[in-house]
Amino acid sequence: MNKTELVDFIAQDADITKAVAARALESTIEAIKITLGRGDSVSLVGFGTFAAGKREARTGRNPRTGASIKIEAAKVPKFRPGKALKDALN
């Protein structure tokens, strides 16, 4: 499912227009991005938790040349699924 299909599903399921569904989805994604950027987490009970993690700096290898390269530390998004989501898949 891509973003357009998700907007269509939300609009049909919530009985709202596609424009309103698209704005709601964009707002939700933006809120998650801003919250993770501050270092906080977003918990959606039954669905899961979005959190910001840290990846330490490390040394990697360029696969083409074999030369060692330095990979800088970075913040990375993480998602931990909730119990209801796990149960829905099994």
PDB file of N, CA and C in Angstrom:
ATOM      1  N   MET A   1       0.856  -1.169   0.000  1.00  0.00           N
ATOM      2  CA  MET A   1       0.000   0.000   0.000  1.00  0.00           C
ATOM      3  C   MET A   1       0.899   1.228   0.000  1.00  0.00           C
ATOM      4  N   ASN A   2       0.618   2.151  -0.904  1.00  0.00           N
ATOM      5  CA  ASN A   2       1.377   3.396  -0.930  1.00  0.00           C
ATOM      6  C   ASN A   2       0.549   4.518  -0.294  1.00  0.00           C
ATOM      7  N   LYS A   3       1.098   5.725  -0.286  1.00  0.00           N
ATOM      8  CA  LYS A   3       0.449   6.842   0.398  1.00  0.00           C
ATOM      9  C   LYS A   3      -0.918   7.164  -0.211  1.00  0.00           C
ATOM     10  N   THR A   4      -1.030   7.153  -1.519  1.00  0.00           N
ATOM     11  CA  THR A   4      -2.301   7.442  -2.180  1.00  0.00           C
ATOM     12  C   THR A   4      -3.361   6.422  -1.799  1.00  0.00           C
ATOM     13  N   GLU A   5      -2.978   5.148  -1.784  1.00  0.00           N
ATOM     14  CA  GLU A   5      -3.921   4.102  -1.403  1.00  0.00           C
ATOM     15  C   GLU A   5      -4.320   4.231   0.064  1.00  0.00           C
ATOM     16  N   LEU A   6      -3.381   4.640   0.912  1.00  0.00           N
ATOM     17  CA  LEU A   6      -3.690   4.848   2.321  1.00  0.00           C
ATOM     18  C   LEU A   6      -4.672   6.004   2.498  1.00  0.00           C
ATOM     19  N   VAL A   7      -4.470   7.083   1.780  1.00  0.00           N
ATOM     20  CA  VAL A   7      -5.399   8.224   1.839  1.00  0.00           C
ATOM     21  C   VAL A   7      -6.785   7.787   1.369  1.00  0.00           C
ATOM     22  N   ASP A   8      -6.863   7.022   0.292  1.00  0.00           N
ATOM     23  CA  ASP A   8      -8.145   6.518  -0.203  1.00  0.00           C
ATOM     24  C   ASP A   8      -8.834   5.658   0.860  1.00  0.00           C
ATOM     25  N   PHE A   9      -8.076   4.785   1.510  1.00  0.00           N
ATOM     26  CA  PHE A   9      -8.637   3.921   2.541  1.00  0.00           C
ATOM     27  C   PHE A   9      -9.165   4.737   3.717  1.00  0.00           C
ATOM     28  N   ILE A  10      -8.367   5.708   4.178  1.00  0.00           N
ATOM     29  CA  ILE A  10      -8.786   6.550   5.301  1.00  0.00           C
ATOM     30  C   ILE A  10     -10.052   7.309   4.949  1.00  0.00           C
ATOM     31  N   ALA A  11     -10.096   7.880   3.756  1.00  0.00           N
ATOM     32  CA  ALA A  11     -11.265   8.653   3.332  1.00  0.00           C
ATOM     33  C   ALA A  11     -12.516   7.788   3.295  1.00  0.00           C
ATOM     34  N   GLN A  12     -12.390   6.592   2.760  1.00  0.00           N
ATOM     35  CA  GLN A  12     -13.542   5.704   2.667  1.00  0.00           C
ATOM     36  C   GLN A  12     -13.955   5.189   4.043  1.00  0.00           C
ATOM     37  N   ASP A  13     -12.986   4.790   4.857  1.00  0.00           N
ATOM     38  CA  ASP A  13     -13.276   4.222   6.168  1.00  0.00           C
ATOM     39  C   ASP A  13     -13.873   5.255   7.121  1.00  0.00           C
ATOM     40  N   ALA A  14     -13.373   6.495   7.069  1.00  0.00           N
ATOM     41  CA  ALA A  14     -13.848   7.542   7.977  1.00  0.00           C
ATOM     42  C   ALA A  14     -14.984   8.355   7.376  1.00  0.00           C
ATOM     43  N   ASP A  15     -15.366   8.051   6.139  1.00  0.00           N
ATOM     44  CA  ASP A  15     -16.439   8.761   5.440  1.00  0.00           C
ATOM     45  C   ASP A  15     -16.151  10.265   5.376  1.00  0.00           C
ATOM     46  N   ILE A  16     -14.926  10.587   4.918  1.00  0.00           N
ATOM     47  CA  ILE A  16     -14.517  11.973   4.721  1.00  0.00           C
ATOM     48  C   ILE A  16     -13.939  12.094   3.321  1.00  0.00           C
ATOM     49  N   THR A  17     -13.680  13.325   2.889  1.00  0.00           N
ATOM     50  CA  THR A  17     -13.132  13.524   1.549  1.00  0.00           C
ATOM     51  C   THR A  17     -11.656  13.130   1.526  1.00  0.00           C
ATOM     52  N   LYS A  18     -11.168  12.869   0.329  1.00  0.00           N
ATOM     53  CA  LYS A  18      -9.759  12.505   0.175  1.00  0.00           C
ATOM     54  C   LYS A  18      -8.862  13.666   0.587  1.00  0.00           C
ATOM     55  N   ALA A  19      -9.282  14.894   0.330  1.00  0.00           N
ATOM     56  CA  ALA A  19      -8.479  16.063   0.700  1.00  0.00           C
ATOM     57  C   ALA A  19      -8.320  16.155   2.217  1.00  0.00           C
ATOM     58  N   VAL A  20      -9.400  15.942   2.936  1.00  0.00           N
ATOM     59  CA  VAL A  20      -9.353  15.987   4.402  1.00  0.00           C
ATOM     60  C   VAL A  20      -8.504  14.826   4.930  1.00  0.00           C
ATOM     61  N   ALA A  21      -8.648  13.652   4.344  1.00  0.00           N
ATOM     62  CA  ALA A  21      -7.863  12.493   4.762  1.00  0.00           C
ATOM     63  C   ALA A  21      -6.379  12.733   4.510  1.00  0.00           C
ATOM     64  N   ALA A  22      -6.049  13.342   3.370  1.00  0.00           N
ATOM     65  CA  ALA A  22      -4.655  13.631   3.041  1.00  0.00           C
ATOM     66  C   ALA A  22      -4.065  14.626   4.032  1.00  0.00           C
ATOM     67  N   ARG A  23      -4.823  15.672   4.382  1.00  0.00           N
ATOM     68  CA  ARG A  23      -4.339  16.655   5.361  1.00  0.00           C
ATOM     69  C   ARG A  23      -4.142  16.013   6.728  1.00  0.00           C
ATOM     70  N   ALA A  24      -5.058  15.139   7.119  1.00  0.00           N
ATOM     71  CA  ALA A  24      -4.943  14.461   8.415  1.00  0.00           C
ATOM     72  C   ALA A  24      -3.705  13.561   8.445  1.00  0.00           C
ATOM     73  N   LEU A  25      -3.462  12.830   7.371  1.00  0.00           N
ATOM     74  CA  LEU A  25      -2.297  11.956   7.305  1.00  0.00           C
ATOM     75  C   LEU A  25      -1.007  12.776   7.327  1.00  0.00           C
ATOM     76  N   GLU A  26      -0.946  13.851   6.549  1.00  0.00           N
ATOM     77  CA  GLU A  26       0.232  14.719   6.531  1.00  0.00           C
ATOM     78  C   GLU A  26       0.489  15.317   7.909  1.00  0.00           C
ATOM     79  N   SER A  27      -0.569  15.733   8.578  1.00  0.00           N
ATOM     80  CA  SER A  27      -0.439  16.304   9.916  1.00  0.00           C
ATOM     81  C   SER A  27       0.091  15.270  10.904  1.00  0.00           C
ATOM     82  N   THR A  28      -0.398  14.049  10.805  1.00  0.00           N
ATOM     83  CA  THR A  28       0.061  12.974  11.682  1.00  0.00           C
ATOM     84  C   THR A  28       1.545  12.691  11.457  1.00  0.00           C
ATOM     85  N   ILE A  29       1.953  12.588  10.208  1.00  0.00           N
ATOM     86  CA  ILE A  29       3.354  12.322   9.879  1.00  0.00           C
ATOM     87  C   ILE A  29       4.240  13.469  10.360  1.00  0.00           C
ATOM     88  N   GLU A  30       3.791  14.695  10.166  1.00  0.00           N
ATOM     89  CA  GLU A  30       4.564  15.860  10.598  1.00  0.00           C
ATOM     90  C   GLU A  30       4.714  15.890  12.117  1.00  0.00           C
ATOM     91  N   ALA A  31       3.649  15.566  12.837  1.00  0.00           N
ATOM     92  CA  ALA A  31       3.703  15.537  14.301  1.00  0.00           C
ATOM     93  C   ALA A  31       4.704  14.488  14.783  1.00  0.00           C
ATOM     94  N   ILE A  32       4.724  13.331  14.129  1.00  0.00           N
ATOM     95  CA  ILE A  32       5.672  12.279  14.500  1.00  0.00           C
ATOM     96  C   ILE A  32       7.098  12.744  14.229  1.00  0.00           C
ATOM     97  N   LYS A  33       7.342  13.379  13.074  1.00  0.00           N
ATOM     98  CA  LYS A  33       8.682  13.862  12.736  1.00  0.00           C
ATOM     99  C   LYS A  33       9.177  14.901  13.733  1.00  0.00           C
ATOM    100  N   ILE A  34       8.326  15.846  14.080  1.00  0.00           N
ATOM    101  CA  ILE A  34       8.707  16.904  15.018  1.00  0.00           C
ATOM    102  C   ILE A  34       9.008  16.322  16.394  1.00  0.00           C
ATOM    103  N   THR A  35       8.160  15.409  16.854  1.00  0.00           N
ATOM    104  CA  THR A  35       8.354  14.794  18.162  1.00  0.00           C
ATOM    105  C   THR A  35       9.641  13.988  18.215  1.00  0.00           C
ATOM    106  N   LEU A  36       9.919  13.202  17.178  1.00  0.00           N
ATOM    107  CA  LEU A  36      11.159  12.421  17.139  1.00  0.00           C
ATOM    108  C   LEU A  36      12.375  13.334  17.048  1.00  0.00           C
ATOM    109  N   GLY A  37      12.237  14.451  16.338  1.00  0.00           N
ATOM    110  CA  GLY A  37      13.329  15.409  16.218  1.00  0.00           C
ATOM    111  C   GLY A  37      13.720  16.008  17.558  1.00  0.00           C
ATOM    112  N   ARG A  38      12.759  16.129  18.454  1.00  0.00           N
ATOM    113  CA  ARG A  38      13.029  16.639  19.807  1.00  0.00           C
ATOM    114  C   ARG A  38      13.613  15.557  20.710  1.00  0.00           C
ATOM    115  N   GLY A  39      13.621  14.321  20.245  1.00  0.00           N
ATOM    116  CA  GLY A  39      14.152  13.229  21.044  1.00  0.00           C
ATOM    117  C   GLY A  39      13.102  12.509  21.865  1.00  0.00           C
ATOM    118  N   ASP A  40      11.837  12.872  21.702  1.00  0.00           N
ATOM    119  CA  ASP A  40      10.747  12.220  22.412  1.00  0.00           C
ATOM    120  C   ASP A  40      10.232  11.041  21.597  1.00  0.00           C
ATOM    121  N   SER A  41       9.293  10.293  22.171  1.00  0.00           N
ATOM    122  CA  SER A  41       8.701   9.162  21.459  1.00  0.00           C
ATOM    123  C   SER A  41       7.201   9.387  21.284  1.00  0.00           C
ATOM    124  N   VAL A  42       6.625   8.679  20.336  1.00  0.00           N
ATOM    125  CA  VAL A  42       5.188   8.738  20.066  1.00  0.00           C
ATOM    126  C   VAL A  42       4.636   7.338  20.278  1.00  0.00           C
ATOM    127  N   SER A  43       3.713   7.193  21.238  1.00  0.00           N
ATOM    128  CA  SER A  43       3.114   5.894  21.535  1.00  0.00           C
ATOM    129  C   SER A  43       1.658   5.884  21.102  1.00  0.00           C
ATOM    130  N   LEU A  44       1.320   4.943  20.254  1.00  0.00           N
ATOM    131  CA  LEU A  44      -0.057   4.743  19.818  1.00  0.00           C
ATOM    132  C   LEU A  44      -0.482   3.385  20.377  1.00  0.00           C
ATOM    133  N   VAL A  45      -1.261   3.417  21.444  1.00  0.00           N
ATOM    134  CA  VAL A  45      -1.637   2.193  22.153  1.00  0.00           C
ATOM    135  C   VAL A  45      -2.281   1.209  21.182  1.00  0.00           C
ATOM    136  N   GLY A  46      -1.782   0.000  21.199  1.00  0.00           N
ATOM    137  CA  GLY A  46      -2.288  -1.047  20.327  1.00  0.00           C
ATOM    138  C   GLY A  46      -1.586  -1.106  18.987  1.00  0.00           C
ATOM    139  N   PHE A  47      -0.987   0.003  18.554  1.00  0.00           N
ATOM    140  CA  PHE A  47      -0.301   0.036  17.267  1.00  0.00           C
ATOM    141  C   PHE A  47       1.203  -0.112  17.453  1.00  0.00           C
ATOM    142  N   GLY A  48       1.790   0.807  18.228  1.00  0.00           N
ATOM    143  CA  GLY A  48       3.221   0.714  18.459  1.00  0.00           C
ATOM    144  C   GLY A  48       3.798   2.031  18.923  1.00  0.00           C
ATOM    145  N   THR A  49       5.123   2.058  19.026  1.00  0.00           N
ATOM    146  CA  THR A  49       5.831   3.235  19.507  1.00  0.00           C
ATOM    147  C   THR A  49       6.922   3.621  18.524  1.00  0.00           C
ATOM    148  N   PHE A  50       6.921   4.897  18.150  1.00  0.00           N
ATOM    149  CA  PHE A  50       7.982   5.473  17.340  1.00  0.00           C
ATOM    150  C   PHE A  50       8.950   6.142  18.300  1.00  0.00           C
ATOM    151  N   ALA A  51      10.249   5.922  18.122  1.00  0.00           N
ATOM    152  CA  ALA A  51      11.248   6.527  18.998  1.00  0.00           C
ATOM    153  C   ALA A  51      12.479   6.894  18.174  1.00  0.00           C
ATOM    154  N   ALA A  52      13.251   7.833  18.703  1.00  0.00           N
ATOM    155  CA  ALA A  52      14.500   8.222  18.060  1.00  0.00           C
ATOM    156  C   ALA A  52      15.634   7.474  18.747  1.00  0.00           C
ATOM    157  N   GLY A  53      16.453   6.812  17.968  1.00  0.00           N
ATOM    158  CA  GLY A  53      17.599   6.100  18.509  1.00  0.00           C
ATOM    159  C   GLY A  53      18.882   6.760  18.050  1.00  0.00           C
ATOM    160  N   LYS A  54      19.982   6.359  18.630  1.00  0.00           N
ATOM    161  CA  LYS A  54      21.283   6.896  18.243  1.00  0.00           C
ATOM    162  C   LYS A  54      22.136   5.783  17.664  1.00  0.00           C
ATOM    163  N   ARG A  55      22.776   6.085  16.553  1.00  0.00           N
ATOM    164  CA  ARG A  55      23.725   5.157  15.952  1.00  0.00           C
ATOM    165  C   ARG A  55      25.109   5.768  16.142  1.00  0.00           C
ATOM    166  N   GLU A  56      25.994   5.041  16.780  1.00  0.00           N
ATOM    167  CA  GLU A  56      27.340   5.537  17.070  1.00  0.00           C
ATOM    168  C   GLU A  56      28.173   5.643  15.786  1.00  0.00           C
ATOM    169  N   ALA A  57      29.181   6.508  15.843  1.00  0.00           N
ATOM    170  CA  ALA A  57      30.118   6.617  14.727  1.00  0.00           C
ATOM    171  C   ALA A  57      30.894   5.303  14.622  1.00  0.00           C
ATOM    172  N   ARG A  58      31.217   4.928  13.401  1.00  0.00           N
ATOM    173  CA  ARG A  58      31.931   3.679  13.212  1.00  0.00           C
ATOM    174  C   ARG A  58      32.749   3.742  11.918  1.00  0.00           C
ATOM    175  N   THR A  59      33.581   2.763  11.730  1.00  0.00           N
ATOM    176  CA  THR A  59      34.380   2.670  10.514  1.00  0.00           C
ATOM    177  C   THR A  59      33.743   1.645   9.595  1.00  0.00           C
ATOM    178  N   GLY A  60      33.547   2.044   8.348  1.00  0.00           N
ATOM    179  CA  GLY A  60      32.964   1.155   7.351  1.00  0.00           C
ATOM    180  C   GLY A  60      33.964   0.891   6.243  1.00  0.00           C
ATOM    181  N   ARG A  61      33.490   0.206   5.214  1.00  0.00           N
ATOM    182  CA  ARG A  61      34.366  -0.122   4.094  1.00  0.00           C
ATOM    183  C   ARG A  61      33.649   0.190   2.801  1.00  0.00           C
ATOM    184  N   ASN A  62      34.311   0.906   1.914  1.00  0.00           N
ATOM    185  CA  ASN A  62      33.767   1.190   0.596  1.00  0.00           C
ATOM    186  C   ASN A  62      33.792  -0.117  -0.199  1.00  0.00           C
ATOM    187  N   PRO A  63      32.624  -0.636  -0.604  1.00  0.00           N
ATOM    188  CA  PRO A  63      32.610  -1.934  -1.277  1.00  0.00           C
ATOM    189  C   PRO A  63      33.303  -1.926  -2.643  1.00  0.00           C
ATOM    190  N   ARG A  64      33.374  -0.781  -3.278  1.00  0.00           N
ATOM    191  CA  ARG A  64      34.006  -0.719  -4.593  1.00  0.00           C
ATOM    192  C   ARG A  64      35.530  -0.730  -4.501  1.00  0.00           C
ATOM    193  N   THR A  65      36.055   0.087  -3.573  1.00  0.00           N
ATOM    194  CA  THR A  65      37.514   0.216  -3.497  1.00  0.00           C
ATOM    195  C   THR A  65      38.134  -0.569  -2.354  1.00  0.00           C
ATOM    196  N   GLY A  66      37.327  -0.930  -1.358  1.00  0.00           N
ATOM    197  CA  GLY A  66      37.843  -1.627  -0.202  1.00  0.00           C
ATOM    198  C   GLY A  66      38.470  -0.703   0.832  1.00  0.00           C
ATOM    199  N   ALA A  67      38.475   0.609   0.546  1.00  0.00           N
ATOM    200  CA  ALA A  67      39.065   1.579   1.464  1.00  0.00           C
ATOM    201  C   ALA A  67      38.180   1.768   2.693  1.00  0.00           C
ATOM    202  N   SER A  68      38.815   2.014   3.835  1.00  0.00           N
ATOM    203  CA  SER A  68      38.073   2.290   5.063  1.00  0.00           C
ATOM    204  C   SER A  68      37.527   3.712   5.013  1.00  0.00           C
ATOM    205  N   ILE A  69      36.286   3.860   5.478  1.00  0.00           N
ATOM    206  CA  ILE A  69      35.675   5.182   5.543  1.00  0.00           C
ATOM    207  C   ILE A  69      35.071   5.371   6.918  1.00  0.00           C
ATOM    208  N   LYS A  70      34.984   6.624   7.337  1.00  0.00           N
ATOM    209  CA  LYS A  70      34.403   6.939   8.631  1.00  0.00           C
ATOM    210  C   LYS A  70      32.922   7.234   8.425  1.00  0.00           C
ATOM    211  N   ILE A  71      32.075   6.542   9.174  1.00  0.00           N
ATOM    212  CA  ILE A  71      30.634   6.776   9.137  1.00  0.00           C
ATOM    213  C   ILE A  71      30.286   7.530  10.414  1.00  0.00           C
ATOM    214  N   GLU A  72      29.733   8.723  10.253  1.00  0.00           N
ATOM    215  CA  GLU A  72      29.461   9.577  11.407  1.00  0.00           C
ATOM    216  C   GLU A  72      28.259   9.083  12.202  1.00  0.00           C
ATOM    217  N   ALA A  73      28.198   9.514  13.460  1.00  0.00           N
ATOM    218  CA  ALA A  73      27.065   9.193  14.325  1.00  0.00           C
ATOM    219  C   ALA A  73      25.806   9.838  13.750  1.00  0.00           C
ATOM    220  N   ALA A  74      24.655   9.214  13.991  1.00  0.00           N
ATOM    221  CA  ALA A  74      23.400   9.743  13.456  1.00  0.00           C
ATOM    222  C   ALA A  74      22.239   9.353  14.362  1.00  0.00           C
ATOM    223  N   LYS A  75      21.179  10.152  14.293  1.00  0.00           N
ATOM    224  CA  LYS A  75      19.921   9.790  14.935  1.00  0.00           C
ATOM    225  C   LYS A  75      19.118   8.998  13.909  1.00  0.00           C
ATOM    226  N   VAL A  76      18.492   7.927  14.351  1.00  0.00           N
ATOM    227  CA  VAL A  76      17.709   7.096  13.438  1.00  0.00           C
ATOM    228  C   VAL A  76      16.328   6.822  14.036  1.00  0.00           C
ATOM    229  N   PRO A  77      15.295   6.781  13.201  1.00  0.00           N
ATOM    230  CA  PRO A  77      13.967   6.457  13.708  1.00  0.00           C
ATOM    231  C   PRO A  77      13.848   4.962  13.961  1.00  0.00           C
ATOM    232  N   LYS A  78      13.111   4.617  15.011  1.00  0.00           N
ATOM    233  CA  LYS A  78      12.864   3.210  15.336  1.00  0.00           C
ATOM    234  C   LYS A  78      11.377   3.029  15.585  1.00  0.00           C
ATOM    235  N   PHE A  79      10.879   1.846  15.297  1.00  0.00           N
ATOM    236  CA  PHE A  79       9.477   1.524  15.539  1.00  0.00           C
ATOM    237  C   PHE A  79       9.403   0.196  16.262  1.00  0.00           C
ATOM    238  N   ARG A  80       8.651   0.172  17.352  1.00  0.00           N
ATOM    239  CA  ARG A  80       8.425  -1.067  18.099  1.00  0.00           C
ATOM    240  C   ARG A  80       6.932  -1.354  18.051  1.00  0.00           C
ATOM    241  N   PRO A  81       6.511  -2.418  17.375  1.00  0.00           N
ATOM    242  CA  PRO A  81       5.081  -2.705  17.244  1.00  0.00           C
ATOM    243  C   PRO A  81       4.438  -3.064  18.579  1.00  0.00           C
ATOM    244  N   GLY A  82       3.163  -2.693  18.709  1.00  0.00           N
ATOM    245  CA  GLY A  82       2.399  -3.016  19.910  1.00  0.00           C
ATOM    246  C   GLY A  82       1.803  -4.411  19.833  1.00  0.00           C
ATOM    247  N   LYS A  83       1.272  -4.871  20.942  1.00  0.00           N
ATOM    248  CA  LYS A  83       0.725  -6.214  21.029  1.00  0.00           C
ATOM    249  C   LYS A  83      -0.439  -6.428  20.058  1.00  0.00           C
ATOM    250  N   ALA A  84      -1.343  -5.460  19.961  1.00  0.00           N
ATOM    251  CA  ALA A  84      -2.500  -5.606  19.073  1.00  0.00           C
ATOM    252  C   ALA A  84      -2.067  -5.735  17.614  1.00  0.00           C
ATOM    253  N   LEU A  85      -1.050  -4.988  17.212  1.00  0.00           N
ATOM    254  CA  LEU A  85      -0.548  -5.092  15.849  1.00  0.00           C
ATOM    255  C   LEU A  85       0.085  -6.455  15.601  1.00  0.00           C
ATOM    256  N   LYS A  86       0.877  -6.920  16.562  1.00  0.00           N
ATOM    257  CA  LYS A  86       1.491  -8.250  16.434  1.00  0.00           C
ATOM    258  C   LYS A  86       0.412  -9.329  16.337  1.00  0.00           C
ATOM    259  N   ASP A  87      -0.615  -9.219  17.198  1.00  0.00           N
ATOM    260  CA  ASP A  87      -1.690 -10.210  17.210  1.00  0.00           C
ATOM    261  C   ASP A  87      -2.493 -10.191  15.914  1.00  0.00           C
ATOM    262  N   ALA A  88      -2.622  -9.028  15.282  1.00  0.00           N
ATOM    263  CA  ALA A  88      -3.373  -8.924  14.039  1.00  0.00           C
ATOM    264  C   ALA A  88      -2.680  -9.662  12.897  1.00  0.00           C
ATOM    265  N   LEU A  89      -1.366  -9.825  13.016  1.00  0.00           N
ATOM    266  CA  LEU A  89      -0.605 -10.508  11.966  1.00  0.00           C
ATOM    267  C   LEU A  89      -0.556 -12.014  12.154  1.00  0.00           C
ATOM    268  N   ASN A  90      -0.863 -12.488  13.333  1.00  0.00           N
ATOM    269  CA  ASN A  90      -0.759 -13.921  13.597  1.00  0.00           C
ATOM    270  C   ASN A  90      -2.113 -14.569  13.782  1.00  0.00           C
TER     271      ASN A  90
END
